[in-house]
C-alpha atoms as a PDB file:
ATOM      1  CA  MET A   1     109.272 147.135-122.174  1.00  0.00           C
ATOM      2  CA  ALA A   2     107.387 148.658-119.256  1.00  0.00           C
ATOM      3  CA  THR A   3     104.624 146.659-117.603  1.00  0.00           C
ATOM      4  CA  ASN A   4     102.975 146.131-114.256  1.00  0.00           C
ATOM      5  CA  ILE A   5     103.690 142.722-112.782  1.00  0.00           C
ATOM      6  CA  HIS A   6     100.931 141.089-110.716  1.00  0.00           C
ATOM      7  CA  VAL A   7     100.882 137.962-108.555  1.00  0.00           C
ATOM      8  CA  ALA A   8      98.228 135.232-108.813  1.00  0.00           C
ATOM      9  CA  HIS A   9      97.661 132.041-106.871  1.00  0.00           C
ATOM     10  CA  CYS A  10      95.720 128.889-107.603  1.00  0.00           C
ATOM     11  CA  VAL A  11      92.228 128.457-106.159  1.00  0.00           C
ATOM     12  CA  PHE A  12      91.330 124.776-105.622  1.00  0.00           C
ATOM     13  CA  ASN A  13      88.058 123.242-106.703  1.00  0.00           C
ATOM     14  CA  THR A  14      87.010 119.728-105.704  1.00  0.00           C
ATOM     15  CA  THR A  15      89.334 118.138-108.282  1.00  0.00           C
ATOM     16  CA  LEU A  16      92.955 118.801-109.177  1.00  0.00           C
ATOM     17  CA  ALA A  17      92.108 119.837-112.768  1.00  0.00           C
ATOM     18  CA  GLY A  18      90.371 122.987-113.958  1.00  0.00           C
ATOM     19  CA  ASN A  19      91.451 125.206-111.080  1.00  0.00           C
ATOM     20  CA  ILE A  20      91.588 128.944-111.744  1.00  0.00           C
ATOM     21  CA  LEU A  21      94.237 131.571-111.071  1.00  0.00           C
ATOM     22  CA  VAL A  22      93.125 134.538-108.968  1.00  0.00           C
ATOM     23  CA  ASP A  23      94.986 137.840-108.555  1.00  0.00           C
ATOM     24  CA  GLY A  24      96.471 138.076-105.074  1.00  0.00           C
ATOM     25  CA  ALA A  25      95.498 141.727-104.534  1.00  0.00           C
ATOM     26  CA  THR A  26      92.140 142.078-106.299  1.00  0.00           C
ATOM     27  CA  SER A  27      90.762 138.484-106.299  1.00  0.00           C
ATOM     28  CA  VAL A  28      89.975 138.863-110.016  1.00  0.00           C
ATOM     29  CA  THR A  29      90.278 135.759-112.219  1.00  0.00           C
ATOM     30  CA  VAL A  30      93.378 135.973-114.427  1.00  0.00           C
ATOM     31  CA  ALA A  31      92.639 135.987-118.168  1.00  0.00           C
ATOM     32  CA  ASP A  32      94.234 137.221-121.412  1.00  0.00           C
ATOM     33  CA  SER A  33      97.665 137.997-120.014  1.00  0.00           C
ATOM     34  CA  ARG A  34     101.334 137.094-120.297  1.00  0.00           C
ATOM     35  CA  ILE A  35     103.006 134.823-117.775  1.00  0.00           C
ATOM     36  CA  ARG A  36     106.330 136.306-116.648  1.00  0.00           C
ATOM     37  CA  GLY A  37     107.305 133.786-113.975  1.00  0.00           C
ATOM     38  CA  VAL A  38     106.154 130.735-112.005  1.00  0.00           C
ATOM     39  CA  HIS A  39     106.939 129.359-108.542  1.00  0.00           C
ATOM     40  CA  ALA A  40     105.693 125.849-107.713  1.00  0.00           C
ATOM     41  CA  THR A  41     106.124 123.194-105.034  1.00  0.00           C
ATOM     42  CA  GLY A  42     104.748 119.657-104.965  1.00  0.00           C
ATOM     43  CA  ILE A  43     105.478 116.298-106.594  1.00  0.00           C
ATOM     44  CA  GLY A  44     104.155 115.653-110.100  1.00  0.00           C
ATOM     45  CA  GLU A  45     103.072 117.468-113.257  1.00  0.00           C
ATOM     46  CA  PHE A  46     101.781 121.051-113.285  1.00  0.00           C
ATOM     47  CA  ILE A  47      99.806 122.391-116.271  1.00  0.00           C
ATOM     48  CA  ILE A  48      98.802 126.006-116.931  1.00  0.00           C
ATOM     49  CA  GLU A  49      96.685 126.656-120.008  1.00  0.00           C
ATOM     50  CA  GLY A  50      94.621 129.366-121.637  1.00  0.00           C
ATOM     51  CA  VAL A  51      91.114 128.073-122.283  1.00  0.00           C
ATOM     52  CA  SER A  52      89.727 130.426-124.916  1.00  0.00           C
ATOM     53  CA  VAL A  53      87.676 129.070-127.846  1.00  0.00           C
ATOM     54  CA  ASP A  54      87.839 130.420-131.405  1.00  0.00           C
ATOM     55  CA  PRO A  55      84.711 131.075-133.538  1.00  0.00           C
ATOM     56  CA  PHE A  56      84.965 127.537-134.979  1.00  0.00           C
ATOM     57  CA  GLY A  57      84.922 125.855-131.563  1.00  0.00           C
ATOM     58  CA  GLY A  58      88.641 125.064-131.459  1.00  0.00           C
ATOM     59  CA  LYS A  59      90.630 125.619-128.281  1.00  0.00           C
ATOM     60  CA  VAL A  60      93.233 128.382-128.592  1.00  0.00           C
ATOM     61  CA  GLY A  61      95.884 129.551-126.168  1.00  0.00           C
ATOM     62  CA  ASN A  62      99.231 128.288-124.965  1.00  0.00           C
ATOM     63  CA  ILE A  63     100.057 125.534-122.503  1.00  0.00           C
ATOM     64  CA  MET A  64     102.893 125.455-119.942  1.00  0.00           C
ATOM     65  CA  ARG A  65     103.739 122.017-118.581  1.00  0.00           C
ATOM     66  CA  PHE A  66     106.484 121.093-116.113  1.00  0.00           C
ATOM     67  CA  SER A  67     107.173 118.454-113.445  1.00  0.00           C
ATOM     68  CA  ASN A  68     108.711 118.233-109.999  1.00  0.00           C
ATOM     69  CA  THR A  69     110.077 114.782-109.194  1.00  0.00           C
ATOM     70  CA  THR A  70     110.949 114.845-105.485  1.00  0.00           C
ATOM     71  CA  ALA A  71     109.555 116.361-102.299  1.00  0.00           C
ATOM     72  CA  THR A  72     112.460 118.817-102.186  1.00  0.00           C
ATOM     73  CA  ASP A  73     111.894 120.121-105.737  1.00  0.00           C
ATOM     74  CA  VAL A  74     110.932 123.747-106.083  1.00  0.00           C
ATOM     75  CA  THR A  75     110.350 125.186-109.540  1.00  0.00           C
ATOM     76  CA  ASP A  76     111.228 128.811-110.256  1.00  0.00           C
ATOM     77  CA  ILE A  77     110.701 129.788-113.887  1.00  0.00           C
ATOM     78  CA  TYR A  78     111.676 133.276-115.016  1.00  0.00           C
ATOM     79  CA  LEU A  79     110.672 134.368-118.511  1.00  0.00           C
ATOM     80  CA  THR A  80     111.848 137.279-120.638  1.00  0.00           C
ATOM     81  CA  ASP A  81     109.914 140.542-120.938  1.00  0.00           C
ATOM     82  CA  VAL A  82     107.864 139.009-123.739  1.00  0.00           C
ATOM     83  CA  GLY A  83     106.594 136.212-121.456  1.00  0.00           C
ATOM     84  CA  ILE A  84     104.185 133.525-122.629  1.00  0.00           C
ATOM     85  CA  ARG A  85     100.892 134.860-123.977  1.00  0.00           C
ATOM     86  CA  MET A  86      97.833 133.104-122.552  1.00  0.00           C
ATOM     87  CA  VAL A  87      94.441 133.568-124.204  1.00  0.00           C
ATOM     88  CA  GLY A  88      91.220 133.358-122.208  1.00  0.00           C
ATOM     89  CA  GLN A  89      90.807 132.390-118.574  1.00  0.00           C
ATOM     90  CA  LEU A  90      93.768 130.473-117.170  1.00  0.00           C
ATOM     91  CA  ALA A  91      93.111 126.926-115.971  1.00  0.00           C
ATOM     92  CA  VAL A  92      95.556 125.053-113.766  1.00  0.00           C
ATOM     93  CA  THR A  93      96.030 121.342-113.145  1.00  0.00           C
ATOM     94  CA  LEU A  94      97.952 120.474-109.980  1.00  0.00           C
ATOM     95  CA  PRO A  95      99.466 117.091-109.108  1.00  0.00           C
ATOM     96  CA  THR A  96      98.317 116.982-105.454  1.00  0.00           C
ATOM     97  CA  THR A  97      96.190 119.036-103.053  1.00  0.00           C
ATOM     98  CA  ALA A  98      99.381 119.903-101.142  1.00  0.00           C
ATOM     99  CA  SER A  99     100.889 121.528-104.257  1.00  0.00           C
ATOM    100  CA  LYS A 100     101.385 125.286-104.320  1.00  0.00           C
ATOM    101  CA  LEU A 101     101.502 127.443-107.457  1.00  0.00           C
ATOM    102  CA  THR A 102     102.194 131.162-107.754  1.00  0.00           C
ATOM    103  CA  VAL A 103     102.222 132.940-111.117  1.00  0.00           C
ATOM    104  CA  PHE A 104     103.706 136.337-111.929  1.00  0.00           C
ATOM    105  CA  TYR A 105     101.851 137.896-114.850  1.00  0.00           C
ATOM    106  CA  GLY A 106     101.224 141.189-116.628  1.00  0.00           C
END
């Protein structure tokens, strides 16, 4: 399966929830894509979710959730070619403001 892989990073807002992922090269908000890999540092729970809404008002899209438990934890998640399909704009919840999250998608 041929695809172009892109890199996105998390852009912080004033809270730790509801942050968006932005493409590292084009600064475009990531939406409707497949996550192929994740790199994260920081202590606590990370959540990546698609935030699309169906015609009936229900939230659709997948959710990825994982935790780092110590200051030396680094998460590297590699997914198959199929990846995890995310619908709508991707929202990210980070455990602390010092947390870093990079997503490989396409």
